[in-house]
Amino acid sequence: MPARDFFHSLLRIGPVQIGTHRDRNGRTKHTAVCTNDQCGWSADYSSQTAAQLAARTHHCRLTD
């Protein structure tokens, strides 16, 4: 049975939410996810600073 993945140290910058978790190899990762329904953007980073920079510069490409 795989280990459950828990996010902690949640941070929100605009529409982007950042959470810290451990990957399957035990390394700490920081995931940035856009919370807009139609955007679908997300990315993993090895540092909190990189995730925060991505969150601050993210622009949703929503088409009307």
N, C-alpha and C. Protein backbone atom coordinates (compact mmCIF):
# COMPACT_ATOMS: atom_id res chain seq x y z
N MET A 1 0.84 -1.17 0.00
CA MET A 1 0.00 0.00 0.00
C MET A 1 0.89 1.24 0.00
N PRO A 2 0.69 2.18 -0.95
CA PRO A 2 1.54 3.36 -1.02
C PRO A 2 1.29 4.30 0.15
N ALA A 3 2.33 5.05 0.49
CA ALA A 3 2.20 6.04 1.57
C ALA A 3 1.28 7.17 1.11
N ARG A 4 0.52 7.71 2.03
CA ARG A 4 -0.37 8.82 1.71
C ARG A 4 0.42 10.11 1.63
N ASP A 5 0.05 10.93 0.70
CA ASP A 5 0.76 12.18 0.46
C ASP A 5 0.02 13.32 1.14
N PHE A 6 0.65 13.91 2.14
CA PHE A 6 0.04 15.02 2.87
C PHE A 6 0.76 16.31 2.54
N PHE A 7 0.00 17.34 2.26
CA PHE A 7 0.56 18.66 2.03
C PHE A 7 0.54 19.44 3.34
N HIS A 8 1.59 20.19 3.57
CA HIS A 8 1.65 21.06 4.74
C HIS A 8 2.30 22.37 4.32
N SER A 9 2.38 23.30 5.20
CA SER A 9 2.92 24.63 4.92
C SER A 9 2.23 25.25 3.71
N LEU A 10 0.92 25.25 3.73
CA LEU A 10 0.16 25.81 2.62
C LEU A 10 0.27 27.33 2.60
N LEU A 11 0.42 27.86 1.40
CA LEU A 11 0.58 29.29 1.18
C LEU A 11 -0.22 29.66 -0.06
N ARG A 12 -0.86 30.79 -0.04
CA ARG A 12 -1.65 31.22 -1.20
C ARG A 12 -1.15 32.58 -1.68
N ILE A 13 -0.85 32.65 -2.99
CA ILE A 13 -0.43 33.89 -3.63
C ILE A 13 -1.35 34.09 -4.83
N GLY A 14 -2.28 35.02 -4.71
CA GLY A 14 -3.27 35.23 -5.77
C GLY A 14 -4.09 33.96 -5.96
N PRO A 15 -4.25 33.50 -7.20
CA PRO A 15 -5.02 32.28 -7.43
C PRO A 15 -4.18 31.01 -7.24
N VAL A 16 -2.89 31.15 -6.96
CA VAL A 16 -2.00 29.99 -6.87
C VAL A 16 -1.81 29.59 -5.41
N GLN A 17 -1.94 28.29 -5.17
CA GLN A 17 -1.71 27.74 -3.84
C GLN A 17 -0.45 26.89 -3.87
N ILE A 18 0.40 27.04 -2.85
CA ILE A 18 1.65 26.31 -2.76
C ILE A 18 1.58 25.38 -1.55
N GLY A 19 1.95 24.14 -1.74
CA GLY A 19 1.97 23.16 -0.65
C GLY A 19 3.27 22.39 -0.65
N THR A 20 3.75 22.02 0.52
CA THR A 20 4.99 21.26 0.66
C THR A 20 4.64 19.81 0.98
N HIS A 21 5.35 18.88 0.36
CA HIS A 21 5.11 17.45 0.59
C HIS A 21 6.39 16.67 0.34
N ARG A 22 6.38 15.40 0.64
CA ARG A 22 7.51 14.52 0.35
C ARG A 22 7.13 13.61 -0.80
N ASP A 23 8.05 13.47 -1.77
CA ASP A 23 7.77 12.59 -2.90
C ASP A 23 8.04 11.13 -2.50
N ARG A 24 7.87 10.22 -3.45
CA ARG A 24 8.02 8.79 -3.13
C ARG A 24 9.43 8.39 -2.73
N ASN A 25 10.41 9.26 -3.03
CA ASN A 25 11.79 8.99 -2.63
C ASN A 25 12.17 9.68 -1.32
N GLY A 26 11.21 10.33 -0.68
CA GLY A 26 11.46 10.98 0.59
C GLY A 26 12.01 12.39 0.48
N ARG A 27 12.11 12.92 -0.73
CA ARG A 27 12.62 14.28 -0.90
C ARG A 27 11.49 15.29 -0.72
N THR A 28 11.81 16.44 -0.16
CA THR A 28 10.83 17.49 0.03
C THR A 28 10.61 18.22 -1.29
N LYS A 29 9.36 18.36 -1.68
CA LYS A 29 8.98 19.06 -2.91
C LYS A 29 7.96 20.14 -2.58
N HIS A 30 7.91 21.15 -3.40
CA HIS A 30 6.97 22.25 -3.24
C HIS A 30 6.15 22.32 -4.53
N THR A 31 4.85 22.20 -4.40
CA THR A 31 3.96 22.17 -5.55
C THR A 31 3.16 23.46 -5.61
N ALA A 32 3.15 24.09 -6.78
CA ALA A 32 2.35 25.29 -7.02
C ALA A 32 1.21 24.90 -7.95
N VAL A 33 -0.02 25.26 -7.56
CA VAL A 33 -1.22 24.87 -8.32
C VAL A 33 -2.13 26.08 -8.46
N CYS A 34 -2.57 26.35 -9.68
CA CYS A 34 -3.54 27.42 -9.90
C CYS A 34 -4.92 26.87 -9.55
N THR A 35 -5.67 27.63 -8.77
CA THR A 35 -6.96 27.15 -8.30
C THR A 35 -8.13 27.56 -9.19
N ASN A 36 -7.87 28.28 -10.29
CA ASN A 36 -8.94 28.59 -11.23
C ASN A 36 -9.39 27.31 -11.91
N ASP A 37 -10.69 27.12 -12.02
CA ASP A 37 -11.24 25.87 -12.54
C ASP A 37 -10.76 25.53 -13.94
N GLN A 38 -10.66 26.49 -14.82
CA GLN A 38 -10.33 26.21 -16.21
C GLN A 38 -8.85 26.33 -16.54
N CYS A 39 -8.01 26.65 -15.58
CA CYS A 39 -6.59 26.86 -15.87
C CYS A 39 -5.83 25.54 -15.96
N GLY A 40 -5.78 24.79 -14.89
CA GLY A 40 -5.11 23.49 -14.91
C GLY A 40 -3.60 23.54 -14.77
N TRP A 41 -3.00 24.67 -14.45
CA TRP A 41 -1.55 24.78 -14.33
C TRP A 41 -1.08 24.28 -12.97
N SER A 42 -0.02 23.49 -12.97
CA SER A 42 0.63 23.08 -11.72
C SER A 42 2.08 22.70 -12.05
N ALA A 43 2.95 22.78 -11.04
CA ALA A 43 4.35 22.44 -11.22
C ALA A 43 4.98 22.10 -9.88
N ASP A 44 5.97 21.21 -9.90
CA ASP A 44 6.74 20.84 -8.71
C ASP A 44 8.09 21.54 -8.74
N TYR A 45 8.54 21.98 -7.57
CA TYR A 45 9.82 22.66 -7.44
C TYR A 45 10.57 22.08 -6.25
N SER A 46 11.90 22.19 -6.29
CA SER A 46 12.71 21.67 -5.19
C SER A 46 12.93 22.69 -4.09
N SER A 47 12.55 23.96 -4.33
CA SER A 47 12.69 24.98 -3.30
C SER A 47 11.41 25.80 -3.18
N GLN A 48 11.16 26.28 -1.99
CA GLN A 48 9.99 27.12 -1.71
C GLN A 48 10.10 28.43 -2.47
N THR A 49 11.30 28.96 -2.59
CA THR A 49 11.50 30.22 -3.28
C THR A 49 11.12 30.12 -4.75
N ALA A 50 11.48 29.02 -5.39
CA ALA A 50 11.14 28.83 -6.80
C ALA A 50 9.63 28.71 -6.98
N ALA A 51 8.96 28.02 -6.07
CA ALA A 51 7.51 27.88 -6.15
C ALA A 51 6.83 29.24 -5.95
N GLN A 52 7.34 30.05 -5.04
CA GLN A 52 6.77 31.37 -4.81
C GLN A 52 6.98 32.28 -6.01
N LEU A 53 8.14 32.20 -6.64
CA LEU A 53 8.39 33.00 -7.83
C LEU A 53 7.44 32.60 -8.96
N ALA A 54 7.25 31.31 -9.14
CA ALA A 54 6.32 30.84 -10.17
C ALA A 54 4.90 31.31 -9.87
N ALA A 55 4.51 31.30 -8.61
CA ALA A 55 3.17 31.74 -8.23
C ALA A 55 2.99 33.23 -8.50
N ARG A 56 4.00 34.02 -8.22
CA ARG A 56 3.90 35.47 -8.42
C ARG A 56 3.88 35.85 -9.90
N THR A 57 4.49 35.05 -10.75
CA THR A 57 4.57 35.38 -12.18
C THR A 57 3.56 34.62 -13.02
N HIS A 58 2.75 33.76 -12.42
CA HIS A 58 1.77 32.97 -13.17
C HIS A 58 0.63 33.84 -13.68
N HIS A 59 0.28 33.64 -14.94
CA HIS A 59 -0.88 34.29 -15.55
C HIS A 59 -1.73 33.21 -16.19
N CYS A 60 -2.97 33.11 -15.81
CA CYS A 60 -3.87 32.10 -16.37
C CYS A 60 -4.13 32.40 -17.84
N ARG A 61 -4.12 31.35 -18.64
CA ARG A 61 -4.42 31.49 -20.06
C ARG A 61 -5.84 31.01 -20.32
N LEU A 62 -6.78 31.70 -19.73
CA LEU A 62 -8.19 31.33 -19.89
C LEU A 62 -8.73 31.98 -21.15
N THR A 63 -9.42 31.18 -21.95
CA THR A 63 -10.04 31.73 -23.15
C THR A 63 -11.53 31.83 -22.92
N ASP A 64 -12.12 32.92 -23.33
CA ASP A 64 -13.55 33.14 -23.15
C ASP A 64 -14.33 32.68 -24.37
